[in-house]
Amino acid sequence: MKTILVSFPEGIFDTILSLKGEMGESKSEVVRNIVIAYLSEQGFFSKMRIRGIASKKGR
């Protein structure tokens, strides 16, 4: 697993703190789950899978 450092405005940070226990047990887990949920809702993972399948067929 890779790590990155991110900065948030105070209001966003307060929201992350309020989601502890609901979306994760730590601040980093909450942020990770928010990012994964957003990418999933945007269809990013299914697009990656489709691209991966297409590139494997081209071999």
Protein backbone atom coordinates (compact mmCIF):
# COMPACT_ATOMS: atom_id res chain seq x y z
CA MET A 1 0.00 0.00 0.00
CA LYS A 2 1.27 3.49 -0.86
CA THR A 3 0.81 6.58 1.28
CA ILE A 4 0.28 10.23 0.34
CA LEU A 5 0.12 13.45 2.32
CA VAL A 6 -2.94 15.64 1.73
CA SER A 7 -4.15 18.90 3.25
CA PHE A 8 -7.78 19.83 3.85
CA PRO A 9 -9.49 23.09 4.79
CA GLU A 10 -10.75 23.17 8.37
CA GLY A 11 -14.39 22.53 7.38
CA ILE A 12 -13.53 19.41 5.37
CA PHE A 13 -11.29 18.18 8.18
CA ASP A 14 -14.16 18.61 10.65
CA THR A 15 -16.40 16.58 8.32
CA ILE A 16 -13.78 13.82 8.16
CA LEU A 17 -13.61 13.78 11.96
CA SER A 18 -17.40 13.54 12.16
CA LEU A 19 -17.33 10.49 9.85
CA LYS A 20 -14.88 8.57 12.05
CA GLY A 21 -16.63 5.47 13.30
CA GLU A 22 -19.15 5.63 10.45
CA MET A 23 -16.86 5.34 7.41
CA GLY A 24 -13.71 4.13 9.15
CA GLU A 25 -11.86 3.93 12.43
CA SER A 26 -9.15 6.48 11.59
CA LYS A 27 -8.93 9.71 9.62
CA SER A 28 -6.88 8.00 6.91
CA GLU A 29 -9.39 5.17 6.64
CA VAL A 30 -12.26 7.67 6.29
CA VAL A 31 -10.43 9.57 3.51
CA ARG A 32 -9.51 6.29 1.76
CA ASN A 33 -13.13 5.13 1.84
CA ILE A 34 -14.40 8.48 0.56
CA VAL A 35 -11.97 8.38 -2.39
CA ILE A 36 -12.84 4.75 -3.20
CA ALA A 37 -16.58 5.49 -3.00
CA TYR A 38 -16.21 8.53 -5.28
CA LEU A 39 -14.14 6.66 -7.88
CA SER A 40 -16.61 3.77 -7.79
CA GLU A 41 -19.60 6.09 -8.27
CA GLN A 42 -17.84 7.71 -11.24
CA GLY A 43 -17.39 4.29 -12.85
CA PHE A 44 -13.61 4.55 -12.74
CA PHE A 45 -13.07 0.94 -11.69
CA SER A 46 -15.37 -0.53 -14.34
CA LYS A 47 -13.65 1.63 -16.99
CA MET A 48 -10.27 0.29 -15.85
CA ARG A 49 -11.56 -3.28 -15.99
CA ILE A 50 -12.94 -2.78 -19.51
CA ARG A 51 -9.64 -1.26 -20.66
CA GLY A 52 -7.74 -4.13 -19.06
CA ILE A 53 -9.91 -6.72 -20.80
CA ALA A 54 -9.52 -4.93 -24.14
CA SER A 55 -5.75 -4.75 -23.81
CA LYS A 56 -5.54 -8.46 -22.94
CA LYS A 57 -7.59 -9.36 -26.03
CA GLY A 58 -5.18 -7.40 -28.20
CA ARG A 59 -2.23 -9.59 -27.18
